């Protein structure tokens, strides 16, 4: 991994927590995992552009 690609700021985990809080209701672990993978995937594709 190239150190130049490291970006400090909001992490994917922060985004997941925001998503959970905004829903206002408990979520199934499968749904949380799918959402987290989508957030990570989006982060990776944004970074590569």
C-alpha atoms as a PDB file:
ATOM      1  CA  UNK A   1       0.000   0.000   0.000  1.00  0.00           C
ATOM      2  CA  UNK A   2       1.276   3.401  -0.939  1.00  0.00           C
ATOM      3  CA  UNK A   3       1.274   5.801   2.023  1.00  0.00           C
ATOM      4  CA  UNK A   4       0.260   8.650  -0.303  1.00  0.00           C
ATOM      5  CA  UNK A   5      -3.175   7.033  -0.630  1.00  0.00           C
ATOM      6  CA  UNK A   6      -3.973   7.203   3.086  1.00  0.00           C
ATOM      7  CA  UNK A   7      -6.657   9.793   3.774  1.00  0.00           C
ATOM      8  CA  UNK A   8      -7.536  10.975   7.261  1.00  0.00           C
ATOM      9  CA  UNK A   9     -11.101  11.887   8.021  1.00  0.00           C
ATOM     10  CA  UNK A  10     -14.406  10.095   8.175  1.00  0.00           C
ATOM     11  CA  UNK A  11     -13.994   6.329   8.165  1.00  0.00           C
ATOM     12  CA  UNK A  12     -16.314   3.688   6.806  1.00  0.00           C
ATOM     13  CA  UNK A  13     -17.109   2.692  10.366  1.00  0.00           C
ATOM     14  CA  UNK A  14     -18.234   6.270  11.077  1.00  0.00           C
ATOM     15  CA  UNK A  15     -20.515   6.122   8.044  1.00  0.00           C
ATOM     16  CA  UNK A  16     -21.942   2.801   9.210  1.00  0.00           C
ATOM     17  CA  UNK A  17     -22.686   4.225  12.652  1.00  0.00           C
ATOM     18  CA  UNK A  18     -24.421   7.224  11.061  1.00  0.00           C
ATOM     19  CA  UNK A  19     -26.536   4.847   8.971  1.00  0.00           C
ATOM     20  CA  UNK A  20     -27.473   2.810  12.046  1.00  0.00           C
ATOM     21  CA  UNK A  21     -28.381   5.889  14.081  1.00  0.00           C
ATOM     22  CA  UNK A  22     -30.447   7.399  11.261  1.00  0.00           C
ATOM     23  CA  UNK A  23     -32.546   4.237  10.927  1.00  0.00           C
ATOM     24  CA  UNK A  24     -33.717   4.535  14.529  1.00  0.00           C
ATOM     25  CA  UNK A  25     -34.358   0.806  14.872  1.00  0.00           C
ATOM     26  CA  UNK A  26     -32.335  -2.357  15.483  1.00  0.00           C
ATOM     27  CA  UNK A  27     -30.957  -4.080  12.398  1.00  0.00           C
ATOM     28  CA  UNK A  28     -30.162  -7.697  11.684  1.00  0.00           C
ATOM     29  CA  UNK A  29     -26.412  -8.407  11.652  1.00  0.00           C
ATOM     30  CA  UNK A  30     -26.667  -9.570   8.016  1.00  0.00           C
ATOM     31  CA  UNK A  31     -28.170  -6.230   6.961  1.00  0.00           C
ATOM     32  CA  UNK A  32     -25.462  -4.334   8.880  1.00  0.00           C
ATOM     33  CA  UNK A  33     -22.730  -6.401   7.231  1.00  0.00           C
ATOM     34  CA  UNK A  34     -24.154  -5.844   3.744  1.00  0.00           C
ATOM     35  CA  UNK A  35     -24.377  -2.092   4.363  1.00  0.00           C
ATOM     36  CA  UNK A  36     -20.795  -1.993   5.654  1.00  0.00           C
ATOM     37  CA  UNK A  37     -19.513  -3.868   2.608  1.00  0.00           C
ATOM     38  CA  UNK A  38     -21.363  -1.432   0.336  1.00  0.00           C
ATOM     39  CA  UNK A  39     -19.795   1.525   2.155  1.00  0.00           C
ATOM     40  CA  UNK A  40     -16.316  -0.035   1.867  1.00  0.00           C
ATOM     41  CA  UNK A  41     -16.846  -0.807  -1.811  1.00  0.00           C
ATOM     42  CA  UNK A  42     -17.920   2.763  -2.505  1.00  0.00           C
ATOM     43  CA  UNK A  43     -14.898   4.119  -0.625  1.00  0.00           C
ATOM     44  CA  UNK A  44     -12.514   1.965  -2.628  1.00  0.00           C
ATOM     45  CA  UNK A  45     -14.009   2.926  -5.981  1.00  0.00           C
ATOM     46  CA  UNK A  46     -13.970   6.648  -5.061  1.00  0.00           C
ATOM     47  CA  UNK A  47     -10.317   6.427  -4.031  1.00  0.00           C
ATOM     48  CA  UNK A  48      -9.284   4.714  -7.254  1.00  0.00           C
ATOM     49  CA  UNK A  49     -10.788   7.445  -9.467  1.00  0.00           C
END
